[in-house]
C-alpha atoms as a PDB file:
ATOM      1  CA  UNK A   1      17.238  94.914  58.965  1.00  0.00           C
ATOM      2  CA  UNK A   2      18.868  97.655  60.887  1.00  0.00           C
ATOM      3  CA  UNK A   3      21.437  98.072  57.940  1.00  0.00           C
ATOM      4  CA  UNK A   4      18.355  97.866  55.299  1.00  0.00           C
ATOM      5  CA  UNK A   5      17.266 101.048  57.072  1.00  0.00           C
ATOM      6  CA  UNK A   6      20.592 103.022  57.584  1.00  0.00           C
ATOM      7  CA  UNK A   7      20.392 102.598  53.457  1.00  0.00           C
ATOM      8  CA  UNK A   8      17.291 104.044  52.753  1.00  0.00           C
ATOM      9  CA  UNK A   9      17.704 106.144  55.276  1.00  0.00           C
ATOM     10  CA  UNK A  10      21.444 107.278  53.292  1.00  0.00           C
ATOM     11  CA  UNK A  11      20.230 107.646  49.984  1.00  0.00           C
ATOM     12  CA  UNK A  12      16.691 108.886  50.718  1.00  0.00           C
ATOM     13  CA  UNK A  13      19.782 112.088  52.197  1.00  0.00           C
ATOM     14  CA  UNK A  14      21.588 111.600  49.053  1.00  0.00           C
ATOM     15  CA  UNK A  15      18.207 112.494  46.889  1.00  0.00           C
ATOM     16  CA  UNK A  16      17.316 114.716  49.464  1.00  0.00           C
ATOM     17  CA  UNK A  17      20.387 117.118  48.699  1.00  0.00           C
ATOM     18  CA  UNK A  18      19.889 116.546  45.010  1.00  0.00           C
ATOM     19  CA  UNK A  19      15.827 118.704  44.952  1.00  0.00           C
ATOM     20  CA  UNK A  20      14.005 115.338  44.914  1.00  0.00           C
ATOM     21  CA  UNK A  21      11.834 116.125  48.140  1.00  0.00           C
ATOM     22  CA  UNK A  22       8.820 113.473  46.956  1.00  0.00           C
ATOM     23  CA  UNK A  23      11.495 111.012  46.282  1.00  0.00           C
ATOM     24  CA  UNK A  24      13.403 112.188  49.537  1.00  0.00           C
ATOM     25  CA  UNK A  25      10.473 111.337  51.528  1.00  0.00           C
ATOM     26  CA  UNK A  26       9.093 107.841  50.193  1.00  0.00           C
ATOM     27  CA  UNK A  27      13.034 106.334  51.298  1.00  0.00           C
ATOM     28  CA  UNK A  28      12.667 108.180  54.391  1.00  0.00           C
ATOM     29  CA  UNK A  29       9.485 106.738  55.275  1.00  0.00           C
ATOM     30  CA  UNK A  30      11.259 103.069  53.626  1.00  0.00           C
ATOM     31  CA  UNK A  31      13.064 103.658  56.156  1.00  0.00           C
ATOM     32  CA  UNK A  32      11.287 104.788  58.891  1.00  0.00           C
ATOM     33  CA  UNK A  33       8.860 101.515  58.531  1.00  0.00           C
ATOM     34  CA  UNK A  34      12.255  98.783  58.972  1.00  0.00           C
ATOM     35  CA  UNK A  35      13.461 100.198  61.752  1.00  0.00           C
ATOM     36  CA  UNK A  36      10.791 104.030  63.287  1.00  0.00           C
ATOM     37  CA  UNK A  37      13.773 105.094  65.464  1.00  0.00           C
ATOM     38  CA  UNK A  38      15.996 105.480  62.481  1.00  0.00           C
ATOM     39  CA  UNK A  39      17.994 108.601  63.321  1.00  0.00           C
ATOM     40  CA  UNK A  40      18.819 109.316  60.410  1.00  0.00           C
ATOM     41  CA  UNK A  41      15.231 109.331  58.279  1.00  0.00           C
ATOM     42  CA  UNK A  42      13.848 110.471  61.372  1.00  0.00           C
ATOM     43  CA  UNK A  43      16.333 113.952  61.338  1.00  0.00           C
ATOM     44  CA  UNK A  44      15.863 113.302  56.782  1.00  0.00           C
ATOM     45  CA  UNK A  45      11.954 113.865  57.551  1.00  0.00           C
ATOM     46  CA  UNK A  46      12.778 116.763  59.473  1.00  0.00           C
ATOM     47  CA  UNK A  47      14.863 118.668  57.695  1.00  0.00           C
ATOM     48  CA  UNK A  48      12.120 117.787  54.489  1.00  0.00           C
ATOM     49  CA  UNK A  49       9.689 119.301  56.302  1.00  0.00           C
ATOM     50  CA  UNK A  50      11.154 122.379  57.247  1.00  0.00           C
ATOM     51  CA  UNK A  51      12.133 122.798  54.027  1.00  0.00           C
ATOM     52  CA  UNK A  52       8.431 122.853  52.581  1.00  0.00           C
ATOM     53  CA  UNK A  53       6.871 124.734  55.173  1.00  0.00           C
ATOM     54  CA  UNK A  54       9.676 127.240  54.062  1.00  0.00           C
ATOM     55  CA  UNK A  55       9.176 126.709  50.218  1.00  0.00           C
ATOM     56  CA  UNK A  56       4.832 127.901  51.578  1.00  0.00           C
ATOM     57  CA  UNK A  57       6.293 130.585  52.985  1.00  0.00           C
ATOM     58  CA  UNK A  58       7.959 132.019  50.150  1.00  0.00           C
ATOM     59  CA  UNK A  59       4.737 131.436  48.069  1.00  0.00           C
ATOM     60  CA  UNK A  60       2.754 133.349  50.229  1.00  0.00           C
ATOM     61  CA  UNK A  61       4.811 136.262  50.073  1.00  0.00           C
ATOM     62  CA  UNK A  62       4.909 135.845  46.959  1.00  0.00           C
ATOM     63  CA  UNK A  63       0.403 135.832  47.116  1.00  0.00           C
ATOM     64  CA  UNK A  64       0.630 138.815  49.004  1.00  0.00           C
ATOM     65  CA  UNK A  65       2.900 141.233  48.004  1.00  0.00           C
END
């Protein structure tokens, strides 16, 4: 089971680096369903959330200029 979680987490990072955040999020979540403590998947989701927050902030700045 641990290997499968790692595989999903690793795939999530590859997809995330390619800019496909929705697909990456799915892979990170698959990994966490298998192993809720998987550090690779947890860090991936954390990075993904941070990127989404930065994008939201950028959109608001553009809207209210």
